[in-house]
Amino acid sequence: QTAPRALPFSVVAGAEDPRERPLPRPAAVTAAAFASLQDTIGQLEDDLRNTKNEMARHLREYQDLLNVKMALDIEIAAYRKLLEGEETYFSAGSVSPAALNPFPNAAYSFQPRVFSSSV
């Protein structure tokens, strides 16, 4: 007697029969798909290059603005120091603001106002 033949596990589990696989595509279809993918890659490379150029431009603009900010910060610090020096000079009481009048002509003279509180 002959024993029943055991089927491979893949056939029993419902695996695809190798005879039912699709046939390989013709070379023309594969070449067209390859050309399409090459075009897509080229477009993506162009987009990447343009994005890098735009980022470089933004970086230059940012650096320019940062340089302007630093220059303004330095100028503000210099004026702040000048103002603090004048406040110290006037608070000592040695010179009144009227004595610093650059226009000795009476028509252009600086007359400081003295405010008094009337309570």
N, C-alpha and C. Protein backbone atom coordinates (compact mmCIF):
# COMPACT_ATOMS: atom_id res chain seq x y z
N GLN A 1 0.82 -1.18 0.00
CA GLN A 1 0.00 0.00 0.00
C GLN A 1 0.86 1.24 0.00
N THR A 2 0.31 2.27 -0.56
CA THR A 2 1.02 3.55 -0.59
C THR A 2 0.44 4.46 0.48
N ALA A 3 1.34 5.14 1.15
CA ALA A 3 0.93 6.07 2.22
C ALA A 3 0.50 7.39 1.59
N PRO A 4 -0.47 8.03 2.20
CA PRO A 4 -0.86 9.33 1.64
C PRO A 4 0.30 10.32 1.74
N ARG A 5 0.42 11.11 0.73
CA ARG A 5 1.53 12.06 0.65
C ARG A 5 1.19 13.31 1.44
N ALA A 6 2.12 13.80 2.23
CA ALA A 6 1.89 15.00 3.06
C ALA A 6 2.07 16.24 2.19
N LEU A 7 1.15 17.17 2.33
CA LEU A 7 1.25 18.44 1.60
C LEU A 7 2.16 19.39 2.35
N PRO A 8 2.89 20.22 1.61
CA PRO A 8 3.73 21.21 2.31
C PRO A 8 2.85 22.17 3.11
N PHE A 9 3.44 22.74 4.18
CA PHE A 9 2.70 23.62 5.08
C PHE A 9 2.17 24.85 4.35
N SER A 10 2.95 25.39 3.41
CA SER A 10 2.54 26.61 2.71
C SER A 10 1.27 26.39 1.91
N VAL A 11 1.10 25.22 1.33
CA VAL A 11 -0.11 24.94 0.56
C VAL A 11 -1.29 24.79 1.50
N VAL A 12 -1.05 24.13 2.61
CA VAL A 12 -2.12 23.91 3.58
C VAL A 12 -2.55 25.24 4.19
N ALA A 13 -1.63 26.14 4.48
CA ALA A 13 -1.93 27.42 5.13
C ALA A 13 -2.55 28.41 4.15
N GLY A 14 -2.69 28.06 2.92
CA GLY A 14 -3.33 28.95 1.95
C GLY A 14 -2.36 29.91 1.27
N ALA A 15 -1.10 29.55 1.24
CA ALA A 15 -0.11 30.40 0.59
C ALA A 15 -0.36 30.42 -0.91
N GLU A 16 0.15 31.43 -1.54
CA GLU A 16 -0.08 31.61 -2.97
C GLU A 16 0.69 30.56 -3.76
N ASP A 17 0.03 30.04 -4.74
CA ASP A 17 0.66 29.06 -5.62
C ASP A 17 1.61 29.81 -6.54
N PRO A 18 2.84 29.34 -6.69
CA PRO A 18 3.80 30.04 -7.56
C PRO A 18 3.29 30.20 -8.98
N ARG A 19 2.40 29.38 -9.44
CA ARG A 19 1.88 29.49 -10.80
C ARG A 19 0.92 30.65 -10.94
N GLU A 20 0.41 31.17 -9.82
CA GLU A 20 -0.55 32.27 -9.87
C GLU A 20 0.09 33.64 -9.73
N ARG A 21 1.39 33.69 -9.60
CA ARG A 21 2.08 34.98 -9.49
C ARG A 21 2.00 35.72 -10.81
N PRO A 22 1.97 37.08 -10.76
CA PRO A 22 1.94 37.82 -12.02
C PRO A 22 3.25 37.67 -12.78
N LEU A 23 3.14 37.76 -14.06
CA LEU A 23 4.33 37.65 -14.90
C LEU A 23 5.16 38.92 -14.78
N PRO A 24 6.45 38.83 -14.97
CA PRO A 24 7.28 40.03 -14.92
C PRO A 24 6.82 41.04 -15.97
N ARG A 25 6.94 42.30 -15.64
CA ARG A 25 6.51 43.35 -16.56
C ARG A 25 7.47 43.47 -17.73
N PRO A 26 6.96 43.96 -18.81
CA PRO A 26 7.85 44.18 -19.96
C PRO A 26 8.87 45.28 -19.64
N ALA A 27 9.96 45.26 -20.33
CA ALA A 27 11.04 46.22 -20.08
C ALA A 27 10.60 47.65 -20.33
N ALA A 28 9.69 47.88 -21.26
CA ALA A 28 9.25 49.24 -21.58
C ALA A 28 8.51 49.85 -20.40
N VAL A 29 7.67 49.06 -19.74
CA VAL A 29 6.92 49.57 -18.59
C VAL A 29 7.89 49.87 -17.45
N THR A 30 8.84 49.00 -17.22
CA THR A 30 9.83 49.20 -16.17
C THR A 30 10.68 50.44 -16.45
N ALA A 31 11.05 50.63 -17.71
CA ALA A 31 11.85 51.80 -18.08
C ALA A 31 11.05 53.08 -17.88
N ALA A 32 9.76 53.05 -18.20
CA ALA A 32 8.92 54.25 -18.01
C ALA A 32 8.78 54.56 -16.53
N ALA A 33 8.59 53.54 -15.69
CA ALA A 33 8.49 53.75 -14.25
C ALA A 33 9.81 54.29 -13.71
N PHE A 34 10.92 53.77 -14.21
CA PHE A 34 12.23 54.24 -13.78
C PHE A 34 12.44 55.71 -14.17
N ALA A 35 12.04 56.06 -15.38
CA ALA A 35 12.17 57.45 -15.83
C ALA A 35 11.30 58.37 -14.99
N SER A 36 10.10 57.93 -14.65
CA SER A 36 9.21 58.72 -13.81
C SER A 36 9.83 58.94 -12.43
N LEU A 37 10.41 57.89 -11.87
CA LEU A 37 11.06 58.02 -10.57
C LEU A 37 12.27 58.94 -10.65
N GLN A 38 13.01 58.87 -11.74
CA GLN A 38 14.16 59.76 -11.92
C GLN A 38 13.70 61.22 -11.99
N ASP A 39 12.59 61.48 -12.67
CA ASP A 39 12.04 62.84 -12.73
C ASP A 39 11.64 63.32 -11.34
N THR A 40 11.01 62.44 -10.58
CA THR A 40 10.61 62.80 -9.22
C THR A 40 11.83 63.11 -8.36
N ILE A 41 12.86 62.31 -8.49
CA ILE A 41 14.10 62.56 -7.75
C ILE A 41 14.70 63.90 -8.15
N GLY A 42 14.70 64.19 -9.44
CA GLY A 42 15.23 65.48 -9.91
C GLY A 42 14.44 66.65 -9.34
N GLN A 43 13.12 66.54 -9.32
CA GLN A 43 12.29 67.61 -8.77
C GLN A 43 12.56 67.79 -7.27
N LEU A 44 12.68 66.68 -6.56
CA LEU A 44 12.96 66.76 -5.12
C LEU A 44 14.32 67.38 -4.85
N GLU A 45 15.31 67.05 -5.68
CA GLU A 45 16.64 67.65 -5.52
C GLU A 45 16.59 69.15 -5.79
N ASP A 46 15.82 69.57 -6.81
CA ASP A 46 15.66 71.00 -7.08
C ASP A 46 14.97 71.70 -5.91
N ASP A 47 13.94 71.08 -5.37
CA ASP A 47 13.24 71.66 -4.22
C ASP A 47 14.18 71.78 -3.02
N LEU A 48 14.99 70.76 -2.80
CA LEU A 48 15.94 70.79 -1.70
C LEU A 48 16.96 71.90 -1.89
N ARG A 49 17.47 72.05 -3.10
CA ARG A 49 18.45 73.10 -3.41
C ARG A 49 17.83 74.49 -3.19
N ASN A 50 16.58 74.66 -3.66
CA ASN A 50 15.90 75.95 -3.48
C ASN A 50 15.65 76.24 -2.01
N THR A 51 15.28 75.22 -1.26
CA THR A 51 15.04 75.41 0.17
C THR A 51 16.33 75.77 0.89
N LYS A 52 17.43 75.13 0.52
CA LYS A 52 18.72 75.46 1.14
C LYS A 52 19.12 76.90 0.82
N ASN A 53 18.89 77.34 -0.42
CA ASN A 53 19.21 78.72 -0.78
C ASN A 53 18.35 79.70 0.00
N GLU A 54 17.08 79.37 0.15
CA GLU A 54 16.18 80.24 0.91
C GLU A 54 16.59 80.30 2.38
N MET A 55 16.98 79.17 2.93
CA MET A 55 17.44 79.16 4.33
C MET A 55 18.70 79.99 4.48
N ALA A 56 19.61 79.91 3.53
CA ALA A 56 20.84 80.70 3.59
C ALA A 56 20.51 82.19 3.53
N ARG A 57 19.53 82.55 2.69
CA ARG A 57 19.13 83.95 2.59
C ARG A 57 18.52 84.43 3.91
N HIS A 58 17.67 83.60 4.51
CA HIS A 58 17.07 83.96 5.80
C HIS A 58 18.14 84.10 6.88
N LEU A 59 19.14 83.23 6.84
CA LEU A 59 20.22 83.31 7.82
C LEU A 59 21.01 84.61 7.67
N ARG A 60 21.28 85.01 6.43
CA ARG A 60 21.99 86.28 6.21
C ARG A 60 21.17 87.46 6.71
N GLU A 61 19.86 87.44 6.43
CA GLU A 61 18.99 88.52 6.91
C GLU A 61 18.97 88.56 8.43
N TYR A 62 18.90 87.39 9.05
CA TYR A 62 18.89 87.31 10.51
C TYR A 62 20.20 87.87 11.08
N GLN A 63 21.32 87.51 10.47
CA GLN A 63 22.61 88.00 10.95
C GLN A 63 22.70 89.51 10.79
N ASP A 64 22.18 90.05 9.68
CA ASP A 64 22.17 91.49 9.49
C ASP A 64 21.34 92.17 10.57
N LEU A 65 20.16 91.63 10.84
CA LEU A 65 19.31 92.21 11.88
C LEU A 65 19.95 92.09 13.26
N LEU A 66 20.63 91.00 13.51
CA LEU A 66 21.31 90.82 14.79
C LEU A 66 22.45 91.84 14.93
N ASN A 67 23.16 92.12 13.85
CA ASN A 67 24.22 93.14 13.88
C ASN A 67 23.63 94.51 14.18
N VAL A 68 22.50 94.84 13.56
CA VAL A 68 21.85 96.12 13.82
C VAL A 68 21.41 96.20 15.28
N LYS A 69 20.84 95.11 15.78
CA LYS A 69 20.40 95.08 17.18
C LYS A 69 21.57 95.30 18.12
N MET A 70 22.69 94.63 17.86
CA MET A 70 23.86 94.78 18.71
C MET A 70 24.38 96.22 18.67
N ALA A 71 24.39 96.83 17.50
CA ALA A 71 24.84 98.22 17.39
C ALA A 71 23.91 99.15 18.16
N LEU A 72 22.61 98.91 18.06
CA LEU A 72 21.65 99.73 18.82
C LEU A 72 21.79 99.52 20.32
N ASP A 73 22.03 98.29 20.74
CA ASP A 73 22.23 98.02 22.16
C ASP A 73 23.46 98.77 22.68
N ILE A 74 24.53 98.79 21.91
CA ILE A 74 25.74 99.51 22.30
C ILE A 74 25.46 101.01 22.39
N GLU A 75 24.73 101.53 21.40
CA GLU A 75 24.41 102.96 21.40
C GLU A 75 23.51 103.30 22.59
N ILE A 76 22.54 102.48 22.89
CA ILE A 76 21.66 102.72 24.04
C ILE A 76 22.47 102.71 25.33
N ALA A 77 23.39 101.77 25.45
CA ALA A 77 24.22 101.69 26.65
C ALA A 77 25.08 102.95 26.79
N ALA A 78 25.59 103.45 25.66
CA ALA A 78 26.42 104.66 25.71
C ALA A 78 25.59 105.86 26.16
N TYR A 79 24.37 106.02 25.62
CA TYR A 79 23.52 107.14 26.02
C TYR A 79 23.09 106.99 27.49
N ARG A 80 22.83 105.76 27.90
CA ARG A 80 22.45 105.53 29.31
C ARG A 80 23.58 105.97 30.23
N LYS A 81 24.81 105.64 29.85
CA LYS A 81 25.97 106.02 30.66
C LYS A 81 26.12 107.54 30.68
N LEU A 82 25.89 108.18 29.54
CA LEU A 82 25.96 109.65 29.51
C LEU A 82 24.90 110.27 30.41
N LEU A 83 23.69 109.76 30.35
CA LEU A 83 22.61 110.29 31.19
C LEU A 83 22.90 110.09 32.67
N GLU A 84 23.41 108.91 33.02
CA GLU A 84 23.74 108.66 34.42
C GLU A 84 24.84 109.60 34.89
N GLY A 85 25.79 109.88 34.00
CA GLY A 85 26.87 110.82 34.34
C GLY A 85 26.33 112.22 34.56
N GLU A 86 25.40 112.66 33.70
CA GLU A 86 24.82 113.99 33.86
C GLU A 86 23.98 114.06 35.14
N GLU A 87 23.25 113.00 35.45
CA GLU A 87 22.45 113.01 36.67
C GLU A 87 23.36 113.13 37.89
N THR A 88 24.47 112.42 37.86
CA THR A 88 25.41 112.49 38.96
C THR A 88 26.01 113.89 39.05
N TYR A 89 26.32 114.47 37.90
CA TYR A 89 26.93 115.80 37.85
C TYR A 89 25.96 116.85 38.40
N PHE A 90 24.69 116.78 37.99
CA PHE A 90 23.72 117.77 38.44
C PHE A 90 23.28 117.52 39.88
N SER A 91 23.28 116.29 40.31
CA SER A 91 22.86 116.01 41.68
C SER A 91 23.90 116.49 42.68
N ALA A 92 25.13 116.65 42.25
CA ALA A 92 26.17 117.16 43.15
C ALA A 92 25.92 118.63 43.45
N GLY A 93 25.16 119.31 42.62
CA GLY A 93 24.81 120.70 42.86
C GLY A 93 25.89 121.69 42.48
N SER A 94 26.91 121.26 41.80
CA SER A 94 27.99 122.18 41.46
C SER A 94 27.64 123.07 40.31
N VAL A 95 26.81 122.62 39.38
CA VAL A 95 26.49 123.41 38.21
C VAL A 95 24.99 123.34 38.00
N SER A 96 24.40 124.47 37.66
CA SER A 96 22.98 124.48 37.33
C SER A 96 22.82 124.31 35.83
N PRO A 97 21.69 123.83 35.39
CA PRO A 97 21.50 123.67 33.94
C PRO A 97 21.56 124.99 33.20
N ALA A 98 21.21 126.12 33.83
CA ALA A 98 21.27 127.42 33.17
C ALA A 98 22.70 127.81 32.86
N ALA A 99 23.66 127.37 33.66
CA ALA A 99 25.06 127.71 33.43
C ALA A 99 25.60 126.99 32.20
N LEU A 100 24.94 125.93 31.77
CA LEU A 100 25.39 125.17 30.61
C LEU A 100 24.75 125.65 29.31
N ASN A 101 24.05 126.78 29.34
CA ASN A 101 23.37 127.29 28.16
C ASN A 101 24.37 127.64 27.07
N PRO A 102 24.30 126.99 25.92
CA PRO A 102 25.25 127.29 24.84
C PRO A 102 24.91 128.58 24.12
N PHE A 103 23.72 129.15 24.36
CA PHE A 103 23.32 130.38 23.68
C PHE A 103 23.32 131.53 24.69
N PRO A 104 24.36 132.32 24.71
CA PRO A 104 24.39 133.42 25.68
C PRO A 104 23.41 134.53 25.33
N ASN A 105 22.92 134.57 24.12
CA ASN A 105 21.96 135.60 23.70
C ASN A 105 20.67 135.41 24.50
N ALA A 106 20.12 136.49 24.96
CA ALA A 106 18.93 136.43 25.81
C ALA A 106 17.72 135.88 25.05
N ALA A 107 17.70 136.10 23.74
CA ALA A 107 16.57 135.62 22.95
C ALA A 107 16.52 134.10 22.90
N TYR A 108 17.68 133.46 23.02
CA TYR A 108 17.75 132.01 22.95
C TYR A 108 18.14 131.37 24.28
N SER A 109 18.07 132.10 25.31
CA SER A 109 18.56 131.58 26.58
C SER A 109 17.60 130.54 27.16
N PHE A 110 18.17 129.66 27.90
CA PHE A 110 17.40 128.61 28.55
C PHE A 110 17.04 129.08 29.95
N GLN A 111 15.81 129.08 30.25
CA GLN A 111 15.36 129.48 31.58
C GLN A 111 14.72 128.26 32.23
N PRO A 112 15.41 127.64 33.17
CA PRO A 112 14.81 126.49 33.82
C PRO A 112 13.63 126.91 34.67
N ARG A 113 12.62 126.09 34.66
CA ARG A 113 11.44 126.37 35.46
C ARG A 113 11.58 125.69 36.80
N VAL A 114 11.19 126.38 37.81
CA VAL A 114 11.22 125.81 39.14
C VAL A 114 9.79 125.56 39.54
N PHE A 115 9.51 124.33 39.82
CA PHE A 115 8.15 123.95 40.22
C PHE A 115 8.08 123.85 41.74
N SER A 116 7.10 124.49 42.28
CA SER A 116 6.92 124.38 43.72
C SER A 116 5.54 123.80 43.97
N SER A 117 5.46 123.04 44.98
CA SER A 117 4.18 122.45 45.28
C SER A 117 3.43 123.36 46.23
N SER A 118 2.23 123.69 45.86
CA SER A 118 1.41 124.54 46.72
C SER A 118 0.40 123.64 47.42
N VAL A 119 0.64 123.40 48.66
CA VAL A 119 -0.22 122.51 49.42
C VAL A 119 -1.09 123.29 50.35
